[in-house]
Amino acid sequence: YKLLAVGFVIIIIGFLLMVGGKSPDPNTFNEKEIFSVRRITIAPLVVLIGFAFEIFAIMRKPRTSDKA
């Protein structure tokens, strides 16, 4: 469950990196805010890494201890 929580946090961080770009004036369009490298490249990669980590956490076999 700890690995699932870590993956979920990574996904949330990726979505938080995508947030923003609101202009104070709705009649102006600021390309640099909306099409920044952070929102177009880095944030989606972080989300994909988070999803890959979630898949890893689900597929990973738990360790078993044979102390019986």
Protein backbone atom coordinates (compact mmCIF):
# COMPACT_ATOMS: atom_id res chain seq x y z
CA TYR A 1 0.00 0.00 0.00
CA LYS A 2 2.93 2.32 0.60
CA LEU A 3 4.06 2.01 -3.01
CA LEU A 4 0.54 2.74 -4.24
CA ALA A 5 0.45 5.87 -2.09
CA VAL A 6 3.82 7.01 -3.48
CA GLY A 7 2.58 6.51 -7.05
CA PHE A 8 -0.59 8.44 -6.28
CA VAL A 9 1.45 11.34 -4.87
CA ILE A 10 3.62 11.38 -8.02
CA ILE A 11 0.49 11.57 -10.19
CA ILE A 12 -0.93 14.42 -8.09
CA ILE A 13 2.37 16.31 -8.40
CA GLY A 14 2.19 15.91 -12.18
CA PHE A 15 -1.32 17.32 -12.31
CA LEU A 16 -0.33 20.20 -10.04
CA LEU A 17 2.48 21.04 -12.46
CA MET A 18 -0.13 21.36 -15.22
CA VAL A 19 -2.27 23.83 -13.26
CA GLY A 20 -2.19 27.52 -14.04
CA GLY A 21 -1.90 29.73 -17.06
CA LYS A 22 -4.87 31.90 -16.19
CA SER A 23 -4.60 35.42 -17.51
CA PRO A 24 -5.92 38.36 -15.47
CA ASP A 25 -7.34 39.82 -18.69
CA PRO A 26 -9.50 37.34 -20.67
CA ASN A 27 -8.92 39.31 -23.88
CA THR A 28 -5.18 38.67 -23.92
CA PHE A 29 -3.51 35.38 -24.80
CA ASN A 30 -0.13 34.69 -23.24
CA GLU A 31 1.55 31.87 -25.16
CA LYS A 32 4.46 31.61 -22.74
CA GLU A 33 2.23 30.76 -19.79
CA ILE A 34 0.04 28.19 -21.50
CA PHE A 35 2.61 26.51 -23.74
CA SER A 36 5.45 26.42 -21.22
CA VAL A 37 7.84 23.47 -21.08
CA ARG A 38 6.60 22.64 -17.60
CA ARG A 39 2.98 22.19 -18.73
CA ILE A 40 3.61 20.59 -22.12
CA THR A 41 6.55 18.29 -21.41
CA ILE A 42 7.49 17.86 -17.77
CA ALA A 43 4.05 17.49 -16.19
CA PRO A 44 2.78 14.77 -18.57
CA LEU A 45 6.03 12.84 -18.11
CA VAL A 46 5.65 13.03 -14.33
CA VAL A 47 2.07 11.73 -14.60
CA LEU A 48 3.16 8.86 -16.86
CA ILE A 49 5.96 7.98 -14.45
CA GLY A 50 3.39 7.96 -11.65
CA PHE A 51 1.12 5.61 -13.59
CA ALA A 52 4.06 3.34 -14.41
CA PHE A 53 4.97 3.30 -10.73
CA GLU A 54 1.38 2.36 -9.87
CA ILE A 55 1.49 -0.56 -12.32
CA PHE A 56 4.80 -1.65 -10.80
CA ALA A 57 3.31 -1.45 -7.30
CA ILE A 58 0.31 -3.56 -8.31
CA MET A 59 2.30 -6.21 -10.16
CA ARG A 60 5.10 -6.53 -7.59
CA LYS A 61 5.03 -9.69 -5.51
CA PRO A 62 4.96 -9.04 -1.79
CA ARG A 63 7.80 -10.41 0.28
CA THR A 64 6.88 -13.40 2.36
CA SER A 65 8.61 -14.44 5.51
CA ASP A 66 8.90 -18.15 6.23
CA LYS A 67 9.13 -17.79 9.99
CA ALA A 68 6.68 -20.46 11.08
